[in-house]
C-alpha atoms as a PDB file:
ATOM      1  CA  UNK A   1     -26.723 -34.166  21.857  1.00  0.00           C
ATOM      2  CA  UNK A   2     -30.076 -32.588  21.136  1.00  0.00           C
ATOM      3  CA  UNK A   3     -31.035 -28.943  20.756  1.00  0.00           C
ATOM      4  CA  UNK A   4     -32.572 -28.990  24.217  1.00  0.00           C
ATOM      5  CA  UNK A   5     -29.140 -29.601  25.791  1.00  0.00           C
ATOM      6  CA  UNK A   6     -27.890 -26.130  24.808  1.00  0.00           C
ATOM      7  CA  UNK A   7     -28.912 -23.054  26.708  1.00  0.00           C
ATOM      8  CA  UNK A   8     -28.537 -19.433  25.595  1.00  0.00           C
ATOM      9  CA  UNK A   9     -25.206 -19.026  27.431  1.00  0.00           C
ATOM     10  CA  UNK A  10     -23.664 -21.866  25.426  1.00  0.00           C
ATOM     11  CA  UNK A  11     -24.847 -20.306  22.190  1.00  0.00           C
ATOM     12  CA  UNK A  12     -23.398 -16.884  23.104  1.00  0.00           C
ATOM     13  CA  UNK A  13     -20.008 -18.443  23.901  1.00  0.00           C
ATOM     14  CA  UNK A  14     -19.759 -20.054  20.476  1.00  0.00           C
ATOM     15  CA  UNK A  15     -20.836 -17.042  18.413  1.00  0.00           C
ATOM     16  CA  UNK A  16     -18.059 -14.878  16.974  1.00  0.00           C
ATOM     17  CA  UNK A  17     -17.799 -11.585  18.809  1.00  0.00           C
ATOM     18  CA  UNK A  18     -17.443  -8.296  17.000  1.00  0.00           C
ATOM     19  CA  UNK A  19     -13.930  -6.961  16.970  1.00  0.00           C
ATOM     20  CA  UNK A  20     -13.352  -3.447  18.203  1.00  0.00           C
ATOM     21  CA  UNK A  21     -10.827  -1.238  16.460  1.00  0.00           C
ATOM     22  CA  UNK A  22      -8.559   1.111  18.363  1.00  0.00           C
ATOM     23  CA  UNK A  23      -8.404   4.184  16.128  1.00  0.00           C
ATOM     24  CA  UNK A  24      -5.543   5.718  18.104  1.00  0.00           C
ATOM     25  CA  UNK A  25      -3.232   2.832  17.228  1.00  0.00           C
ATOM     26  CA  UNK A  26      -1.194   3.292  14.066  1.00  0.00           C
ATOM     27  CA  UNK A  27       0.213   0.165  12.446  1.00  0.00           C
ATOM     28  CA  UNK A  28       3.071   1.854  10.593  1.00  0.00           C
ATOM     29  CA  UNK A  29       3.775   5.392  11.712  1.00  0.00           C
ATOM     30  CA  UNK A  30       4.624   7.830   8.943  1.00  0.00           C
ATOM     31  CA  UNK A  31       8.022   9.267   9.729  1.00  0.00           C
ATOM     32  CA  UNK A  32      10.418  11.645   8.029  1.00  0.00           C
ATOM     33  CA  UNK A  33      12.346   8.617   6.764  1.00  0.00           C
ATOM     34  CA  UNK A  34       9.211   7.271   5.056  1.00  0.00           C
ATOM     35  CA  UNK A  35       8.593  10.633   3.367  1.00  0.00           C
ATOM     36  CA  UNK A  36      12.185  10.774   2.159  1.00  0.00           C
ATOM     37  CA  UNK A  37      12.043   7.228   0.755  1.00  0.00           C
ATOM     38  CA  UNK A  38       8.865   8.091  -1.168  1.00  0.00           C
ATOM     39  CA  UNK A  39      10.415  11.317  -2.458  1.00  0.00           C
ATOM     40  CA  UNK A  40      13.556   9.550  -3.709  1.00  0.00           C
ATOM     41  CA  UNK A  41      11.470   6.846  -5.376  1.00  0.00           C
ATOM     42  CA  UNK A  42       9.280   9.469  -7.061  1.00  0.00           C
ATOM     43  CA  UNK A  43      12.268  11.474  -8.292  1.00  0.00           C
ATOM     44  CA  UNK A  44      13.857   8.280  -9.590  1.00  0.00           C
ATOM     45  CA  UNK A  45      10.753   7.603 -11.681  1.00  0.00           C
ATOM     46  CA  UNK A  46      10.617  11.178 -12.910  1.00  0.00           C
ATOM     47  CA  UNK A  47      14.289  11.184 -13.910  1.00  0.00           C
ATOM     48  CA  UNK A  48      13.987   7.809 -15.644  1.00  0.00           C
ATOM     49  CA  UNK A  49      10.974   9.026 -17.642  1.00  0.00           C
ATOM     50  CA  UNK A  50      12.680  12.299 -18.523  1.00  0.00           C
ATOM     51  CA  UNK A  51      15.833  10.486 -19.622  1.00  0.00           C
ATOM     52  CA  UNK A  52      13.877   8.011 -21.748  1.00  0.00           C
ATOM     53  CA  UNK A  53      11.942  10.829 -23.407  1.00  0.00           C
ATOM     54  CA  UNK A  54      15.052  12.908 -24.037  1.00  0.00           C
ATOM     55  CA  UNK A  55      16.984   9.996 -25.560  1.00  0.00           C
ATOM     56  CA  UNK A  56      13.976   9.130 -27.724  1.00  0.00           C
ATOM     57  CA  UNK A  57      13.883  12.704 -28.998  1.00  0.00           C
ATOM     58  CA  UNK A  58      17.604  12.684 -29.769  1.00  0.00           C
ATOM     59  CA  UNK A  59      17.346   9.367 -31.600  1.00  0.00           C
ATOM     60  CA  UNK A  60      14.624  10.832 -33.813  1.00  0.00           C
ATOM     61  CA  UNK A  61      16.710  13.826 -34.957  1.00  0.00           C
ATOM     62  CA  UNK A  62      17.909  13.858 -38.545  1.00  0.00           C
ATOM     63  CA  UNK A  63      21.548  14.763 -37.847  1.00  0.00           C
ATOM     64  CA  UNK A  64      21.852  11.872 -35.354  1.00  0.00           C
ATOM     65  CA  UNK A  65      20.965   9.276 -37.992  1.00  0.00           C
ATOM     66  CA  UNK A  66      23.326  10.452 -40.731  1.00  0.00           C
END
């Protein structure tokens, strides 16, 4: 098939078309449950860090070693 066998309509059909994005559509809506899960995860990290720091401080005290 030569280049002369294609017309402009054939070329337009084979070109990728631009995709439009619907900005009103939300993939994963943010709900109260999502906020609560994030809050519990954050507090878990804070409490774990606080506990690790506190235990480290206690282990470094002189009266704990003797």
